[in-house]
Each structure stands twice: as structure tokens, then as C-alpha cells.
């Protein structure tokens, strides 16, 4: 299979810079283009500058041209921007890898619609380790299906704008599905004041925001006399970036379809 040429959205952001670094290192991937918002001061500068590498690829504010130059666009920006880039990818017939979180129901529906025409990997977390945790949670939920309360605790840096994180929500979805519950109906996102006793069918979420925490997630199964905790902690954004490169390679040769990292990793 030939190399996959990728376009990186949000190239001057924290995750964008990490994606560029990963693209330069990943076998089977070529950095074709990088783009960002027009007001970004890095427009016109080399995409590898922040990593101390001269790539010959300049960051542009022309999203359409950047996407047209690639086989696949990788987007970890914001929902509103991602949906614009997604529409461009559909027009140009390009594959899309989406690591953006915080989509509402309409946004998710738009992604599913576009995936009928171009191949899309859409996942709340691209890290291989996190996706291994998703599988572990399936097993744990089947075993601990009676007498255990479930809580999801997540921590991220002060700059994260959505809560709970997409990864935390996916963890809750995985557990709820295995327990035969609807997460929309059983999720508790905050507790304050006199709440009464905890209802056993609920799944609680706790959110921490502060400092430069890359991403910590724990699912707690609390029974009488014991607690089981399944935890993943990210020390850097690189696992997300390398996972995104695997997703881009996975899409090579596909004409359409909506996939996630469980598909990419063969965990279905």
C-alpha cells in the first residue's frame, strides 16, 4: 500500500504540533499539508518549526487547498471547525480522522451522514492504551453487573473546554451498554446539597480541570467491602497522535464508512 498523505488541521495548536511530529515519524505516512485559522500568527511558517524540523510544508489558512493536497485530513480542533473541514473533505472526496470532542447530537449525525460518502474514523480517544481500557471495561462490567456502583472520574488541563471528556463519556457508554442501561437516562453529572442515597442504577461522572494534566481517566466499580479501579493516565499527547496516524493508514483504500479505533485496532 502506498504512503498516506495527511493534512493536519489546527496545525499551530498543542495537538496540531504533536500530530505534525507524529506524521514526520510514522512509517507509511507523509505530511502533505498543514492549516489553521487565518488569524493564527504561524501562517506561512514551516509546519515543523515548533519541533525544530524543516519540513518544507508551510502552514496555510486555505483549508480547502490543504485538504485537496492530501489523502486524509486529521482534525483535533473544535466541533464547529471540524464540521467545516468535514464538509470540505466530502466535497473533495478525502478521508477524515476526527479526534475532536464535544459534539452535540446534530454534529454526530452530520459526521455519520458524511461517512456515507467518504471514510471517517471518529473516536473520542485515539490512544491505543485507552482503547485497550474500553475492552477491559466491557469484561469488568459483565462480571461486576450486580452490587457495584459505577463512577467515572476524569482530569484534564485548565484549557479543555468540554466536560466530561469524550473519553469519559465513551467509558460510561461502554459500561452502560454491557449493563443493559441507557447512559442518557442513568448518568449523573453533578452532586450538590442533599441528594439522598445513591441510586444503584446510576453512573456518576466527576470532572477535574487544572494545570497541565494531559488526561487521566478512572472507572471505579465500588462494591461492599471492595473497590475495583481501571485507570489510564496520559503523560503526553503523543499516544493520541500516533493512534491518529494508524487511523489514517487504516482508511487508505476505503471509499466510505464510519469507523472508530476499535475497528482500527481489530478489537471488534
C-alpha atoms as a PDB file:
ATOM      1  CA  UNK A   1       0.000   0.000   0.000  1.00  0.00           C
ATOM      2  CA  UNK A   2       1.333   3.464  -0.873  1.00  0.00           C
ATOM      3  CA  UNK A   3       2.013   6.122   1.751  1.00  0.00           C
ATOM      4  CA  UNK A   4      -0.970   8.076   3.073  1.00  0.00           C
ATOM      5  CA  UNK A   5      -0.638  11.833   2.573  1.00  0.00           C
ATOM      6  CA  UNK A   6      -2.140  13.676   5.545  1.00  0.00           C
ATOM      7  CA  UNK A   7      -3.335  17.228   6.135  1.00  0.00           C
ATOM      8  CA  UNK A   8      -3.195  18.450   9.745  1.00  0.00           C
ATOM      9  CA  UNK A   9      -5.935  20.832  10.934  1.00  0.00           C
ATOM     10  CA  UNK A  10      -5.186  23.276  13.752  1.00  0.00           C
ATOM     11  CA  UNK A  11      -1.505  22.921  12.951  1.00  0.00           C
ATOM     12  CA  UNK A  12      -0.221  25.535  15.391  1.00  0.00           C
ATOM     13  CA  UNK A  13      -2.156  24.252  18.398  1.00  0.00           C
ATOM     14  CA  UNK A  14      -0.832  21.880  21.069  1.00  0.00           C
ATOM     15  CA  UNK A  15      -2.368  18.810  19.473  1.00  0.00           C
ATOM     16  CA  UNK A  16      -1.702  20.022  15.952  1.00  0.00           C
ATOM     17  CA  UNK A  17       2.022  20.307  16.632  1.00  0.00           C
ATOM     18  CA  UNK A  18       2.031  16.811  18.106  1.00  0.00           C
ATOM     19  CA  UNK A  19       0.227  15.435  15.056  1.00  0.00           C
ATOM     20  CA  UNK A  20       2.799  17.025  12.763  1.00  0.00           C
ATOM     21  CA  UNK A  21       5.627  15.475  14.769  1.00  0.00           C
ATOM     22  CA  UNK A  22       3.941  12.063  14.627  1.00  0.00           C
ATOM     23  CA  UNK A  23       3.317  12.345  10.885  1.00  0.00           C
ATOM     24  CA  UNK A  24       7.001  13.033  10.305  1.00  0.00           C
ATOM     25  CA  UNK A  25       7.962   9.899  12.262  1.00  0.00           C
ATOM     26  CA  UNK A  26       5.237   7.446  11.231  1.00  0.00           C
ATOM     27  CA  UNK A  27       6.136   4.893   8.582  1.00  0.00           C
ATOM     28  CA  UNK A  28       3.620   4.878   5.754  1.00  0.00           C
ATOM     29  CA  UNK A  29       2.522   8.471   6.406  1.00  0.00           C
ATOM     30  CA  UNK A  30       3.611  11.637   4.588  1.00  0.00           C
ATOM     31  CA  UNK A  31       2.900  15.174   5.820  1.00  0.00           C
ATOM     32  CA  UNK A  32       1.247  16.755   2.775  1.00  0.00           C
ATOM     33  CA  UNK A  33      -0.129  19.969   4.274  1.00  0.00           C
ATOM     34  CA  UNK A  34      -0.964  21.816   7.465  1.00  0.00           C
ATOM     35  CA  UNK A  35      -3.538  24.531   8.045  1.00  0.00           C
ATOM     36  CA  UNK A  36      -5.025  26.764  10.712  1.00  0.00           C
ATOM     37  CA  UNK A  37      -7.278  29.776  11.227  1.00  0.00           C
ATOM     38  CA  UNK A  38      -6.374  32.959   9.315  1.00  0.00           C
ATOM     39  CA  UNK A  39      -5.618  34.967  12.474  1.00  0.00           C
ATOM     40  CA  UNK A  40      -3.049  32.442  13.702  1.00  0.00           C
ATOM     41  CA  UNK A  41       0.455  34.026  13.794  1.00  0.00           C
ATOM     42  CA  UNK A  42       2.063  30.836  12.455  1.00  0.00           C
ATOM     43  CA  UNK A  43       0.507  31.155   8.987  1.00  0.00           C
ATOM     44  CA  UNK A  44       3.285  30.989   6.387  1.00  0.00           C
ATOM     45  CA  UNK A  45       5.791  29.379   8.724  1.00  0.00           C
ATOM     46  CA  UNK A  46       7.186  25.872   8.379  1.00  0.00           C
ATOM     47  CA  UNK A  47       4.947  23.216   9.921  1.00  0.00           C
ATOM     48  CA  UNK A  48       7.911  21.604  11.677  1.00  0.00           C
ATOM     49  CA  UNK A  49       9.276  24.798  13.192  1.00  0.00           C
ATOM     50  CA  UNK A  50       7.964  24.095  16.690  1.00  0.00           C
ATOM     51  CA  UNK A  51       9.675  20.687  16.610  1.00  0.00           C
ATOM     52  CA  UNK A  52      12.910  22.131  15.253  1.00  0.00           C
ATOM     53  CA  UNK A  53      12.462  20.437  11.869  1.00  0.00           C
ATOM     54  CA  UNK A  54      12.368  21.969   8.403  1.00  0.00           C
ATOM     55  CA  UNK A  55       9.604  20.094   6.557  1.00  0.00           C
ATOM     56  CA  UNK A  56       9.149  22.301   3.526  1.00  0.00           C
ATOM     57  CA  UNK A  57       5.421  22.363   4.324  1.00  0.00           C
ATOM     58  CA  UNK A  58       4.099  25.783   5.240  1.00  0.00           C
ATOM     59  CA  UNK A  59       1.089  26.305   7.488  1.00  0.00           C
ATOM     60  CA  UNK A  60      -1.685  27.830   5.391  1.00  0.00           C
ATOM     61  CA  UNK A  61      -5.047  29.402   6.159  1.00  0.00           C
ATOM     62  CA  UNK A  62      -6.553  27.874   2.996  1.00  0.00           C
ATOM     63  CA  UNK A  63      -8.271  24.799   4.388  1.00  0.00           C
ATOM     64  CA  UNK A  64      -9.676  23.698   1.041  1.00  0.00           C
ATOM     65  CA  UNK A  65      -6.282  23.772  -0.673  1.00  0.00           C
ATOM     66  CA  UNK A  66      -4.644  21.941   2.240  1.00  0.00           C
ATOM     67  CA  UNK A  67      -7.257  19.187   2.235  1.00  0.00           C
ATOM     68  CA  UNK A  68      -7.121  18.893  -1.559  1.00  0.00           C
ATOM     69  CA  UNK A  69      -3.371  18.227  -1.348  1.00  0.00           C
ATOM     70  CA  UNK A  70      -3.819  15.200   0.940  1.00  0.00           C
ATOM     71  CA  UNK A  71      -5.486  11.787   1.033  1.00  0.00           C
ATOM     72  CA  UNK A  72      -6.734  12.238   4.595  1.00  0.00           C
ATOM     73  CA  UNK A  73      -7.355  15.201   6.894  1.00  0.00           C
ATOM     74  CA  UNK A  74      -6.670  14.716  10.620  1.00  0.00           C
ATOM     75  CA  UNK A  75      -8.684  17.041  12.844  1.00  0.00           C
ATOM     76  CA  UNK A  76      -8.438  17.535  16.619  1.00  0.00           C
ATOM     77  CA  UNK A  77      -9.790  21.100  16.700  1.00  0.00           C
ATOM     78  CA  UNK A  78     -13.256  22.252  17.837  1.00  0.00           C
ATOM     79  CA  UNK A  79     -16.639  20.891  16.730  1.00  0.00           C
ATOM     80  CA  UNK A  80     -17.578  23.952  14.695  1.00  0.00           C
ATOM     81  CA  UNK A  81     -14.279  23.938  12.809  1.00  0.00           C
ATOM     82  CA  UNK A  82     -14.234  20.182  12.346  1.00  0.00           C
ATOM     83  CA  UNK A  83     -17.670  20.225  10.725  1.00  0.00           C
ATOM     84  CA  UNK A  84     -16.478  22.839   8.215  1.00  0.00           C
ATOM     85  CA  UNK A  85     -13.420  20.731   7.384  1.00  0.00           C
ATOM     86  CA  UNK A  86     -15.595  17.624   7.172  1.00  0.00           C
ATOM     87  CA  UNK A  87     -17.804  19.274   4.570  1.00  0.00           C
ATOM     88  CA  UNK A  88     -14.740  20.228   2.535  1.00  0.00           C
ATOM     89  CA  UNK A  89     -13.419  16.665   2.753  1.00  0.00           C
ATOM     90  CA  UNK A  90     -16.729  15.352   1.428  1.00  0.00           C
ATOM     91  CA  UNK A  91     -16.643  17.780  -1.494  1.00  0.00           C
ATOM     92  CA  UNK A  92     -13.055  16.799  -2.303  1.00  0.00           C
ATOM     93  CA  UNK A  93     -13.504  13.058  -1.695  1.00  0.00           C
ATOM     94  CA  UNK A  94     -10.956  12.834   1.119  1.00  0.00           C
ATOM     95  CA  UNK A  95     -10.798  10.554   4.156  1.00  0.00           C
ATOM     96  CA  UNK A  96     -11.145  12.091   7.628  1.00  0.00           C
ATOM     97  CA  UNK A  97      -9.785  11.210  11.073  1.00  0.00           C
ATOM     98  CA  UNK A  98     -11.653  13.064  13.836  1.00  0.00           C
ATOM     99  CA  UNK A  99     -10.285  13.279  17.371  1.00  0.00           C
ATOM    100  CA  UNK A 100     -12.323  16.373  18.241  1.00  0.00           C
ATOM    101  CA  UNK A 101     -14.677  16.002  21.216  1.00  0.00           C
ATOM    102  CA  UNK A 102     -17.711  17.938  22.436  1.00  0.00           C
ATOM    103  CA  UNK A 103     -20.069  17.266  19.517  1.00  0.00           C
ATOM    104  CA  UNK A 104     -23.788  17.509  20.146  1.00  0.00           C
ATOM    105  CA  UNK A 105     -26.280  15.061  18.632  1.00  0.00           C
ATOM    106  CA  UNK A 106     -26.604  17.129  15.453  1.00  0.00           C
ATOM    107  CA  UNK A 107     -22.838  17.185  14.999  1.00  0.00           C
ATOM    108  CA  UNK A 108     -22.572  13.437  15.397  1.00  0.00           C
ATOM    109  CA  UNK A 109     -25.396  12.961  12.920  1.00  0.00           C
ATOM    110  CA  UNK A 110     -23.556  15.183  10.415  1.00  0.00           C
ATOM    111  CA  UNK A 111     -20.424  13.041  10.779  1.00  0.00           C
ATOM    112  CA  UNK A 112     -22.424   9.864  10.188  1.00  0.00           C
ATOM    113  CA  UNK A 113     -24.013  11.392   7.088  1.00  0.00           C
ATOM    114  CA  UNK A 114     -20.668  12.405   5.574  1.00  0.00           C
ATOM    115  CA  UNK A 115     -19.306   8.919   6.312  1.00  0.00           C
ATOM    116  CA  UNK A 116     -21.771   7.534   3.780  1.00  0.00           C
ATOM    117  CA  UNK A 117     -19.689   9.228   1.090  1.00  0.00           C
ATOM    118  CA  UNK A 118     -16.111   9.280   2.432  1.00  0.00           C
ATOM    119  CA  UNK A 119     -14.347   7.082   5.024  1.00  0.00           C
ATOM    120  CA  UNK A 120     -14.222   8.529   8.540  1.00  0.00           C
ATOM    121  CA  UNK A 121     -12.589   7.395  11.783  1.00  0.00           C
ATOM    122  CA  UNK A 122     -14.338   9.202  14.643  1.00  0.00           C
ATOM    123  CA  UNK A 123     -13.138   8.353  18.143  1.00  0.00           C
ATOM    124  CA  UNK A 124     -13.067  10.253  21.447  1.00  0.00           C
ATOM    125  CA  UNK A 125      -9.579   8.967  22.155  1.00  0.00           C
ATOM    126  CA  UNK A 126      -7.045   7.656  19.640  1.00  0.00           C
ATOM    127  CA  UNK A 127      -4.577   6.251  22.178  1.00  0.00           C
ATOM    128  CA  UNK A 128      -4.063   2.500  21.874  1.00  0.00           C
ATOM    129  CA  UNK A 129      -3.939   2.110  25.661  1.00  0.00           C
ATOM    130  CA  UNK A 130      -7.268   3.873  26.164  1.00  0.00           C
ATOM    131  CA  UNK A 131      -8.902   1.620  23.600  1.00  0.00           C
ATOM    132  CA  UNK A 132      -7.497  -1.394  25.434  1.00  0.00           C
ATOM    133  CA  UNK A 133      -9.178   0.018  28.552  1.00  0.00           C
ATOM    134  CA  UNK A 134     -12.501   0.179  26.686  1.00  0.00           C
ATOM    135  CA  UNK A 135     -12.241  -3.580  26.109  1.00  0.00           C
ATOM    136  CA  UNK A 136     -11.293  -4.197  29.748  1.00  0.00           C
ATOM    137  CA  UNK A 137     -14.353  -2.217  30.826  1.00  0.00           C
ATOM    138  CA  UNK A 138     -16.596  -4.467  28.752  1.00  0.00           C
ATOM    139  CA  UNK A 139     -15.272  -7.509  30.608  1.00  0.00           C
ATOM    140  CA  UNK A 140     -15.395  -5.830  34.035  1.00  0.00           C
ATOM    141  CA  UNK A 141     -18.973  -4.628  33.549  1.00  0.00           C
ATOM    142  CA  UNK A 142     -20.156  -8.107  32.598  1.00  0.00           C
ATOM    143  CA  UNK A 143     -18.551  -9.590  35.707  1.00  0.00           C
ATOM    144  CA  UNK A 144     -19.457  -6.771  38.113  1.00  0.00           C
ATOM    145  CA  UNK A 145     -23.048  -6.430  36.961  1.00  0.00           C
ATOM    146  CA  UNK A 146     -24.653  -6.707  40.405  1.00  0.00           C
ATOM    147  CA  UNK A 147     -23.860  -4.954  43.679  1.00  0.00           C
ATOM    148  CA  UNK A 148     -21.332  -2.465  42.300  1.00  0.00           C
ATOM    149  CA  UNK A 149     -21.745   1.264  41.890  1.00  0.00           C
ATOM    150  CA  UNK A 150     -20.024   2.801  38.862  1.00  0.00           C
ATOM    151  CA  UNK A 151     -18.267   6.173  38.884  1.00  0.00           C
ATOM    152  CA  UNK A 152     -16.148   7.747  36.142  1.00  0.00           C
ATOM    153  CA  UNK A 153     -13.507  10.259  37.239  1.00  0.00           C
ATOM    154  CA  UNK A 154     -11.527  12.315  34.731  1.00  0.00           C
ATOM    155  CA  UNK A 155      -8.930  15.090  34.949  1.00  0.00           C
ATOM    156  CA  UNK A 156      -7.622  17.415  32.234  1.00  0.00           C
ATOM    157  CA  UNK A 157      -5.695  20.650  31.837  1.00  0.00           C
ATOM    158  CA  UNK A 158      -7.241  24.030  32.539  1.00  0.00           C
ATOM    159  CA  UNK A 159      -7.661  24.815  28.822  1.00  0.00           C
ATOM    160  CA  UNK A 160     -10.074  21.988  28.000  1.00  0.00           C
ATOM    161  CA  UNK A 161     -13.454  23.483  27.128  1.00  0.00           C
ATOM    162  CA  UNK A 162     -15.830  20.481  27.264  1.00  0.00           C
ATOM    163  CA  UNK A 163     -16.808  18.301  30.206  1.00  0.00           C
ATOM    164  CA  UNK A 164     -16.988  15.451  30.852  1.00  0.00           C
ATOM    165  CA  UNK A 165     -14.313  14.487  28.373  1.00  0.00           C
ATOM    166  CA  UNK A 166     -15.265  12.479  25.303  1.00  0.00           C
ATOM    167  CA  UNK A 167     -13.208   9.602  26.654  1.00  0.00           C
ATOM    168  CA  UNK A 168     -15.062   9.638  29.974  1.00  0.00           C
ATOM    169  CA  UNK A 169     -18.384   9.620  28.175  1.00  0.00           C
ATOM    170  CA  UNK A 170     -17.301   6.705  25.980  1.00  0.00           C
ATOM    171  CA  UNK A 171     -16.230   4.802  29.101  1.00  0.00           C
ATOM    172  CA  UNK A 172     -19.666   5.412  30.574  1.00  0.00           C
ATOM    173  CA  UNK A 173     -21.308   4.309  27.324  1.00  0.00           C
ATOM    174  CA  UNK A 174     -19.285   1.080  27.256  1.00  0.00           C
ATOM    175  CA  UNK A 175     -20.222   0.190  30.825  1.00  0.00           C
ATOM    176  CA  UNK A 176     -23.879   1.191  30.400  1.00  0.00           C
ATOM    177  CA  UNK A 177     -24.210  -0.910  27.252  1.00  0.00           C
ATOM    178  CA  UNK A 178     -22.806  -4.002  28.939  1.00  0.00           C
ATOM    179  CA  UNK A 179     -25.135  -3.450  31.915  1.00  0.00           C
ATOM    180  CA  UNK A 180     -28.168  -3.017  29.669  1.00  0.00           C
ATOM    181  CA  UNK A 181     -28.647   0.624  30.604  1.00  0.00           C
ATOM    182  CA  UNK A 182     -29.165   3.831  28.648  1.00  0.00           C
ATOM    183  CA  UNK A 183     -26.450   6.304  29.633  1.00  0.00           C
ATOM    184  CA  UNK A 184     -28.663   9.292  28.818  1.00  0.00           C
ATOM    185  CA  UNK A 185     -31.141   8.041  31.399  1.00  0.00           C
ATOM    186  CA  UNK A 186     -28.763   6.900  34.144  1.00  0.00           C
ATOM    187  CA  UNK A 187     -25.858   9.387  34.047  1.00  0.00           C
ATOM    188  CA  UNK A 188     -25.320  11.780  36.969  1.00  0.00           C
ATOM    189  CA  UNK A 189     -23.031  14.694  36.090  1.00  0.00           C
ATOM    190  CA  UNK A 190     -23.019  16.607  39.364  1.00  0.00           C
ATOM    191  CA  UNK A 191     -23.973  16.284  43.004  1.00  0.00           C
ATOM    192  CA  UNK A 192     -24.645  19.118  45.393  1.00  0.00           C
ATOM    193  CA  UNK A 193     -26.631  19.607  48.562  1.00  0.00           C
ATOM    194  CA  UNK A 194     -28.975  16.955  49.923  1.00  0.00           C
ATOM    195  CA  UNK A 195     -29.004  14.296  47.220  1.00  0.00           C
ATOM    196  CA  UNK A 196     -30.398  11.330  49.122  1.00  0.00           C
ATOM    197  CA  UNK A 197     -28.920   7.867  48.805  1.00  0.00           C
ATOM    198  CA  UNK A 198     -27.210   6.899  45.587  1.00  0.00           C
ATOM    199  CA  UNK A 199     -29.486   5.069  43.181  1.00  0.00           C
ATOM    200  CA  UNK A 200     -27.795   1.784  42.217  1.00  0.00           C
ATOM    201  CA  UNK A 201     -28.615   2.059  38.510  1.00  0.00           C
ATOM    202  CA  UNK A 202     -26.864   5.409  38.056  1.00  0.00           C
ATOM    203  CA  UNK A 203     -23.401   6.025  36.598  1.00  0.00           C
ATOM    204  CA  UNK A 204     -21.696   9.067  38.094  1.00  0.00           C
ATOM    205  CA  UNK A 205     -19.198  11.413  36.465  1.00  0.00           C
ATOM    206  CA  UNK A 206     -16.677  13.641  38.239  1.00  0.00           C
ATOM    207  CA  UNK A 207     -14.626  16.231  36.379  1.00  0.00           C
ATOM    208  CA  UNK A 208     -11.345  17.868  37.403  1.00  0.00           C
ATOM    209  CA  UNK A 209      -9.770  20.761  35.477  1.00  0.00           C
ATOM    210  CA  UNK A 210      -6.393  22.230  36.352  1.00  0.00           C
ATOM    211  CA  UNK A 211      -2.801  22.849  35.426  1.00  0.00           C
ATOM    212  CA  UNK A 212      -1.331  20.918  32.518  1.00  0.00           C
ATOM    213  CA  UNK A 213      -2.888  17.494  33.133  1.00  0.00           C
ATOM    214  CA  UNK A 214      -2.876  15.785  29.737  1.00  0.00           C
ATOM    215  CA  UNK A 215      -5.631  13.318  30.603  1.00  0.00           C
ATOM    216  CA  UNK A 216      -6.386  10.925  33.472  1.00  0.00           C
ATOM    217  CA  UNK A 217      -9.395   8.596  33.482  1.00  0.00           C
ATOM    218  CA  UNK A 218     -10.572   6.128  36.120  1.00  0.00           C
ATOM    219  CA  UNK A 219     -13.666   3.945  36.186  1.00  0.00           C
ATOM    220  CA  UNK A 220     -14.492   2.860  39.726  1.00  0.00           C
ATOM    221  CA  UNK A 221     -16.613  -0.197  40.470  1.00  0.00           C
ATOM    222  CA  UNK A 222     -17.439   0.189  44.176  1.00  0.00           C
ATOM    223  CA  UNK A 223     -18.960  -2.764  45.996  1.00  0.00           C
ATOM    224  CA  UNK A 224     -19.468  -3.537  49.664  1.00  0.00           C
ATOM    225  CA  UNK A 225     -16.017  -4.348  51.032  1.00  0.00           C
ATOM    226  CA  UNK A 226     -14.041  -3.860  47.810  1.00  0.00           C
ATOM    227  CA  UNK A 227     -13.291  -1.424  45.004  1.00  0.00           C
ATOM    228  CA  UNK A 228     -12.038  -2.152  41.510  1.00  0.00           C
ATOM    229  CA  UNK A 229     -10.427   0.719  39.606  1.00  0.00           C
ATOM    230  CA  UNK A 230      -9.445   0.690  35.944  1.00  0.00           C
ATOM    231  CA  UNK A 231      -7.228   3.680  35.193  1.00  0.00           C
ATOM    232  CA  UNK A 232      -5.446   5.201  32.241  1.00  0.00           C
ATOM    233  CA  UNK A 233      -3.076   8.172  32.595  1.00  0.00           C
ATOM    234  CA  UNK A 234      -1.568  10.084  29.694  1.00  0.00           C
ATOM    235  CA  UNK A 235       1.899  11.547  30.136  1.00  0.00           C
ATOM    236  CA  UNK A 236       1.847  13.283  26.759  1.00  0.00           C
ATOM    237  CA  UNK A 237      -0.335  13.806  23.699  1.00  0.00           C
ATOM    238  CA  UNK A 238       1.876  11.609  21.538  1.00  0.00           C
ATOM    239  CA  UNK A 239      -0.219   8.423  22.043  1.00  0.00           C
ATOM    240  CA  UNK A 240      -3.225  10.277  20.614  1.00  0.00           C
ATOM    241  CA  UNK A 241      -1.152  11.437  17.652  1.00  0.00           C
ATOM    242  CA  UNK A 242       0.348   8.050  16.842  1.00  0.00           C
ATOM    243  CA  UNK A 243      -3.088   6.471  17.109  1.00  0.00           C
ATOM    244  CA  UNK A 244      -4.393   9.046  14.642  1.00  0.00           C
ATOM    245  CA  UNK A 245      -1.667   8.060  12.175  1.00  0.00           C
ATOM    246  CA  UNK A 246      -2.725   4.427  12.490  1.00  0.00           C
ATOM    247  CA  UNK A 247      -6.287   5.528  11.817  1.00  0.00           C
ATOM    248  CA  UNK A 248      -5.200   7.422   8.688  1.00  0.00           C
ATOM    249  CA  UNK A 249      -3.378   4.343   7.379  1.00  0.00           C
ATOM    250  CA  UNK A 250      -6.433   2.207   8.176  1.00  0.00           C
ATOM    251  CA  UNK A 251      -8.602   4.398   5.947  1.00  0.00           C
ATOM    252  CA  UNK A 252      -6.309   4.009   2.955  1.00  0.00           C
ATOM    253  CA  UNK A 253      -8.154   2.329   0.096  1.00  0.00           C
ATOM    254  CA  UNK A 254     -11.608   2.636   1.720  1.00  0.00           C
ATOM    255  CA  UNK A 255     -14.305   4.540  -0.127  1.00  0.00           C
ATOM    256  CA  UNK A 256     -16.743   5.251   2.730  1.00  0.00           C
ATOM    257  CA  UNK A 257     -17.855   4.142   6.182  1.00  0.00           C
ATOM    258  CA  UNK A 258     -17.862   5.312   9.796  1.00  0.00           C
ATOM    259  CA  UNK A 259     -15.225   3.646  11.980  1.00  0.00           C
ATOM    260  CA  UNK A 260     -13.646   4.120  15.389  1.00  0.00           C
ATOM    261  CA  UNK A 261     -10.392   2.990  16.995  1.00  0.00           C
ATOM    262  CA  UNK A 262     -11.865  -0.364  17.949  1.00  0.00           C
ATOM    263  CA  UNK A 263     -12.131  -1.019  14.203  1.00  0.00           C
ATOM    264  CA  UNK A 264      -8.628   0.339  13.551  1.00  0.00           C
ATOM    265  CA  UNK A 265      -7.142  -1.940  16.210  1.00  0.00           C
ATOM    266  CA  UNK A 266      -9.213  -5.009  15.268  1.00  0.00           C
ATOM    267  CA  UNK A 267     -10.931  -5.134  18.664  1.00  0.00           C
ATOM    268  CA  UNK A 268     -14.494  -5.722  17.427  1.00  0.00           C
END
